[in-house]
Amino acid sequence: MKTKEQTGLNSQGKIIALWTAFLLGMLFHTQLALMPLFHGLNVMESHTHEYLELHNIMWLMLGVFALPMLAMIVTAFTSSRPYRIIHLGLTLVYTVNNALHFILDVMVKVPDYQLFLMAFLFVIGLLLNLVSYQWMKESSRSKKALRIVS
């Protein structure tokens, strides 16, 4: 019986790599002055939370970063069907958020390099959607294959 030659990462590895790239891009994006820009501060100044009364926003930003980190960890340790469905939903929410973020960046007239980065993050999100969808479908294909063999 011929076995299919495996190349590259499996779906879980691809998902973790894409989330990592996404988070690194978001970190770069936020550090390149979006936080002060939205609050009318000079982009050359430090923009720590002491300068801004952003306690609730900082918790929201922590959530925006923490959910993908949690998704990466859970993806590494489980491949259950319910989790795959939840994960696909999470990637779709982030894709919609990225699209809205890009539109807002255009409206605020952020620098071109920021727009390029946000567009790049949107593309990473689309890839994440695709791989997550394929991963979700893998479990149903393997169940069908098991039923056929039985």
C-alpha atoms as a PDB file:
ATOM      1  CA  MET A   1       0.000   0.000   0.000  1.00  0.00           C
ATOM      2  CA  LYS A   2       1.391   3.411  -0.963  1.00  0.00           C
ATOM      3  CA  THR A   3       1.620   6.024   1.713  1.00  0.00           C
ATOM      4  CA  LYS A   4       1.223   9.677   0.973  1.00  0.00           C
ATOM      5  CA  GLU A   5       4.536  11.475   1.390  1.00  0.00           C
ATOM      6  CA  GLN A   6       4.239  14.091   4.097  1.00  0.00           C
ATOM      7  CA  THR A   7       5.839  17.447   3.481  1.00  0.00           C
ATOM      8  CA  GLY A   8       5.902  20.405   5.808  1.00  0.00           C
ATOM      9  CA  LEU A   9       3.858  20.809   8.932  1.00  0.00           C
ATOM     10  CA  ASN A  10       0.575  19.151   9.764  1.00  0.00           C
ATOM     11  CA  SER A  11      -2.524  21.337  10.183  1.00  0.00           C
ATOM     12  CA  GLN A  12      -1.887  21.964  13.868  1.00  0.00           C
ATOM     13  CA  GLY A  13       1.691  23.076  13.168  1.00  0.00           C
ATOM     14  CA  LYS A  14       0.509  25.374  10.382  1.00  0.00           C
ATOM     15  CA  ILE A  15      -2.123  26.914  12.656  1.00  0.00           C
ATOM     16  CA  ILE A  16       0.427  27.570  15.399  1.00  0.00           C
ATOM     17  CA  ALA A  17       2.858  29.102  12.873  1.00  0.00           C
ATOM     18  CA  LEU A  18       0.136  31.357  11.431  1.00  0.00           C
ATOM     19  CA  TRP A  19      -1.041  32.515  14.873  1.00  0.00           C
ATOM     20  CA  THR A  20       2.591  33.250  15.784  1.00  0.00           C
ATOM     21  CA  ALA A  21       3.096  35.330  12.636  1.00  0.00           C
ATOM     22  CA  PHE A  22      -0.183  37.125  13.305  1.00  0.00           C
ATOM     23  CA  LEU A  23       0.756  37.983  16.889  1.00  0.00           C
ATOM     24  CA  LEU A  24       4.218  39.198  15.894  1.00  0.00           C
ATOM     25  CA  GLY A  25       2.627  41.408  13.254  1.00  0.00           C
ATOM     26  CA  MET A  26       0.088  42.769  15.753  1.00  0.00           C
ATOM     27  CA  LEU A  27       2.851  43.502  18.228  1.00  0.00           C
ATOM     28  CA  PHE A  28       4.757  45.404  15.555  1.00  0.00           C
ATOM     29  CA  HIS A  29       1.569  47.223  14.520  1.00  0.00           C
ATOM     30  CA  THR A  30       0.694  48.390  18.026  1.00  0.00           C
ATOM     31  CA  GLN A  31       4.251  49.442  18.805  1.00  0.00           C
ATOM     32  CA  LEU A  32       4.435  51.568  15.656  1.00  0.00           C
ATOM     33  CA  ALA A  33       2.268  54.267  17.146  1.00  0.00           C
ATOM     34  CA  LEU A  34      -1.340  53.238  16.820  1.00  0.00           C
ATOM     35  CA  MET A  35      -2.022  53.541  20.526  1.00  0.00           C
ATOM     36  CA  PRO A  36      -0.799  57.148  20.775  1.00  0.00           C
ATOM     37  CA  LEU A  37      -2.264  58.023  17.374  1.00  0.00           C
ATOM     38  CA  PHE A  38      -5.769  57.121  18.505  1.00  0.00           C
ATOM     39  CA  HIS A  39      -5.352  59.181  21.666  1.00  0.00           C
ATOM     40  CA  GLY A  40      -3.834  62.317  20.182  1.00  0.00           C
ATOM     41  CA  LEU A  41      -0.341  61.842  21.579  1.00  0.00           C
ATOM     42  CA  ASN A  42       2.938  62.454  19.836  1.00  0.00           C
ATOM     43  CA  VAL A  43       4.097  59.163  18.349  1.00  0.00           C
ATOM     44  CA  MET A  44       7.661  59.901  19.439  1.00  0.00           C
ATOM     45  CA  GLU A  45       6.707  59.870  23.143  1.00  0.00           C
ATOM     46  CA  SER A  46       6.388  56.840  25.324  1.00  0.00           C
ATOM     47  CA  HIS A  47       2.833  55.607  25.320  1.00  0.00           C
ATOM     48  CA  THR A  48       2.626  53.454  28.395  1.00  0.00           C
ATOM     49  CA  HIS A  49      -0.633  53.162  30.241  1.00  0.00           C
ATOM     50  CA  GLU A  50       0.511  55.777  32.796  1.00  0.00           C
ATOM     51  CA  TYR A  51       0.046  58.477  30.144  1.00  0.00           C
ATOM     52  CA  LEU A  52      -3.333  57.231  29.132  1.00  0.00           C
ATOM     53  CA  GLU A  53      -6.339  56.356  31.176  1.00  0.00           C
ATOM     54  CA  LEU A  54      -6.810  53.149  29.273  1.00  0.00           C
ATOM     55  CA  HIS A  55      -7.234  50.546  31.965  1.00  0.00           C
ATOM     56  CA  ASN A  56     -10.226  48.889  30.266  1.00  0.00           C
ATOM     57  CA  ILE A  57      -8.705  49.174  26.777  1.00  0.00           C
ATOM     58  CA  MET A  58      -5.505  47.555  28.012  1.00  0.00           C
ATOM     59  CA  TRP A  59      -7.527  44.606  29.347  1.00  0.00           C
ATOM     60  CA  LEU A  60      -9.218  44.369  25.949  1.00  0.00           C
ATOM     61  CA  MET A  61      -5.839  44.460  24.199  1.00  0.00           C
ATOM     62  CA  LEU A  62      -4.597  41.740  26.547  1.00  0.00           C
ATOM     63  CA  GLY A  63      -7.580  39.643  25.505  1.00  0.00           C
ATOM     64  CA  VAL A  64      -6.858  40.270  21.819  1.00  0.00           C
ATOM     65  CA  PHE A  65      -3.344  38.894  22.363  1.00  0.00           C
ATOM     66  CA  ALA A  66      -4.217  36.209  24.918  1.00  0.00           C
ATOM     67  CA  LEU A  67      -6.886  34.411  22.879  1.00  0.00           C
ATOM     68  CA  PRO A  68      -4.511  33.514  20.019  1.00  0.00           C
ATOM     69  CA  MET A  69      -1.843  32.498  22.551  1.00  0.00           C
ATOM     70  CA  LEU A  70      -4.376  30.244  24.253  1.00  0.00           C
ATOM     71  CA  ALA A  71      -5.492  28.912  20.856  1.00  0.00           C
ATOM     72  CA  MET A  72      -1.893  28.022  20.006  1.00  0.00           C
ATOM     73  CA  ILE A  73      -1.456  26.119  23.269  1.00  0.00           C
ATOM     74  CA  VAL A  74      -4.763  24.249  23.020  1.00  0.00           C
ATOM     75  CA  THR A  75      -4.122  23.468  19.328  1.00  0.00           C
ATOM     76  CA  ALA A  76      -0.801  21.883  20.292  1.00  0.00           C
ATOM     77  CA  PHE A  77      -2.480  19.603  22.848  1.00  0.00           C
ATOM     78  CA  THR A  78      -5.836  18.641  21.370  1.00  0.00           C
ATOM     79  CA  SER A  79      -7.484  17.903  18.079  1.00  0.00           C
ATOM     80  CA  SER A  80     -11.032  17.270  19.267  1.00  0.00           C
ATOM     81  CA  ARG A  81     -13.819  18.029  16.823  1.00  0.00           C
ATOM     82  CA  PRO A  82     -15.612  20.531  19.138  1.00  0.00           C
ATOM     83  CA  TYR A  83     -12.362  22.463  19.610  1.00  0.00           C
ATOM     84  CA  ARG A  84     -11.736  22.532  15.859  1.00  0.00           C
ATOM     85  CA  ILE A  85     -15.153  24.129  15.332  1.00  0.00           C
ATOM     86  CA  ILE A  86     -14.568  26.685  18.106  1.00  0.00           C
ATOM     87  CA  HIS A  87     -11.134  27.444  16.693  1.00  0.00           C
ATOM     88  CA  LEU A  88     -12.516  28.063  13.209  1.00  0.00           C
ATOM     89  CA  GLY A  89     -15.066  30.451  14.735  1.00  0.00           C
ATOM     90  CA  LEU A  90     -12.273  32.285  16.541  1.00  0.00           C
ATOM     91  CA  THR A  91     -10.278  32.693  13.321  1.00  0.00           C
ATOM     92  CA  LEU A  92     -13.350  34.065  11.549  1.00  0.00           C
ATOM     93  CA  VAL A  93     -13.913  36.624  14.328  1.00  0.00           C
ATOM     94  CA  TYR A  94     -10.294  37.770  14.015  1.00  0.00           C
ATOM     95  CA  THR A  95     -10.614  38.037  10.223  1.00  0.00           C
ATOM     96  CA  VAL A  96     -13.658  40.290  10.537  1.00  0.00           C
ATOM     97  CA  ASN A  97     -11.815  42.313  13.183  1.00  0.00           C
ATOM     98  CA  ASN A  98      -8.769  42.644  10.893  1.00  0.00           C
ATOM     99  CA  ALA A  99     -10.945  43.839   8.003  1.00  0.00           C
ATOM    100  CA  LEU A 100     -12.594  46.464  10.218  1.00  0.00           C
ATOM    101  CA  HIS A 101      -9.203  47.459  11.622  1.00  0.00           C
ATOM    102  CA  PHE A 102      -7.836  47.946   8.106  1.00  0.00           C
ATOM    103  CA  ILE A 103     -10.805  50.110   7.128  1.00  0.00           C
ATOM    104  CA  LEU A 104     -10.377  52.226  10.258  1.00  0.00           C
ATOM    105  CA  ASP A 105      -6.648  52.569   9.539  1.00  0.00           C
ATOM    106  CA  VAL A 106      -7.474  53.883   6.067  1.00  0.00           C
ATOM    107  CA  MET A 107      -9.961  56.363   7.563  1.00  0.00           C
ATOM    108  CA  VAL A 108      -7.474  57.573  10.190  1.00  0.00           C
ATOM    109  CA  LYS A 109      -4.818  57.817   7.459  1.00  0.00           C
ATOM    110  CA  VAL A 110      -2.130  55.831   9.193  1.00  0.00           C
ATOM    111  CA  PRO A 111       1.223  55.658   7.393  1.00  0.00           C
ATOM    112  CA  ASP A 112       1.477  53.408   4.325  1.00  0.00           C
ATOM    113  CA  TYR A 113       3.722  50.877   6.059  1.00  0.00           C
ATOM    114  CA  GLN A 114       1.025  50.417   8.706  1.00  0.00           C
ATOM    115  CA  LEU A 115      -1.622  49.860   6.028  1.00  0.00           C
ATOM    116  CA  PHE A 116       0.622  47.329   4.321  1.00  0.00           C
ATOM    117  CA  LEU A 117       1.149  45.528   7.625  1.00  0.00           C
ATOM    118  CA  MET A 118      -2.591  45.441   8.348  1.00  0.00           C
ATOM    119  CA  ALA A 119      -3.279  44.107   4.839  1.00  0.00           C
ATOM    120  CA  PHE A 120      -0.591  41.477   5.404  1.00  0.00           C
ATOM    121  CA  LEU A 121      -2.182  40.507   8.732  1.00  0.00           C
ATOM    122  CA  PHE A 122      -5.540  40.212   6.967  1.00  0.00           C
ATOM    123  CA  VAL A 123      -3.997  37.799   4.446  1.00  0.00           C
ATOM    124  CA  ILE A 124      -2.449  35.784   7.287  1.00  0.00           C
ATOM    125  CA  GLY A 125      -5.923  35.666   8.830  1.00  0.00           C
ATOM    126  CA  LEU A 126      -7.420  34.363   5.581  1.00  0.00           C
ATOM    127  CA  LEU A 127      -4.756  31.638   5.482  1.00  0.00           C
ATOM    128  CA  LEU A 128      -5.552  30.827   9.104  1.00  0.00           C
ATOM    129  CA  ASN A 129      -9.251  30.519   8.172  1.00  0.00           C
ATOM    130  CA  LEU A 130      -8.390  28.175   5.307  1.00  0.00           C
ATOM    131  CA  VAL A 131      -6.087  25.921   7.334  1.00  0.00           C
ATOM    132  CA  SER A 132      -8.518  25.883  10.275  1.00  0.00           C
ATOM    133  CA  TYR A 133     -11.356  24.918   7.943  1.00  0.00           C
ATOM    134  CA  GLN A 134      -9.243  22.145   6.414  1.00  0.00           C
ATOM    135  CA  TRP A 135      -8.284  20.946   9.906  1.00  0.00           C
ATOM    136  CA  MET A 136     -11.935  20.889  10.937  1.00  0.00           C
ATOM    137  CA  LYS A 137     -12.795  18.868   7.819  1.00  0.00           C
ATOM    138  CA  GLU A 138      -9.940  16.388   8.472  1.00  0.00           C
ATOM    139  CA  SER A 139     -11.724  14.934  11.478  1.00  0.00           C
ATOM    140  CA  SER A 140     -14.945  14.306   9.553  1.00  0.00           C
ATOM    141  CA  ARG A 141     -13.002  12.723   6.651  1.00  0.00           C
ATOM    142  CA  SER A 142     -11.162  10.401   9.036  1.00  0.00           C
ATOM    143  CA  LYS A 143     -14.474   9.382  10.659  1.00  0.00           C
ATOM    144  CA  LYS A 144     -15.940   8.592   7.232  1.00  0.00           C
ATOM    145  CA  ALA A 145     -12.835   6.563   6.361  1.00  0.00           C
ATOM    146  CA  LEU A 146     -13.132   4.591   9.597  1.00  0.00           C
ATOM    147  CA  ARG A 147     -16.801   3.837   8.870  1.00  0.00           C
ATOM    148  CA  ILE A 148     -15.911   2.587   5.393  1.00  0.00           C
ATOM    149  CA  VAL A 149     -13.147   0.328   6.735  1.00  0.00           C
ATOM    150  CA  SER A 150     -15.342  -1.093   9.528  1.00  0.00           C
END
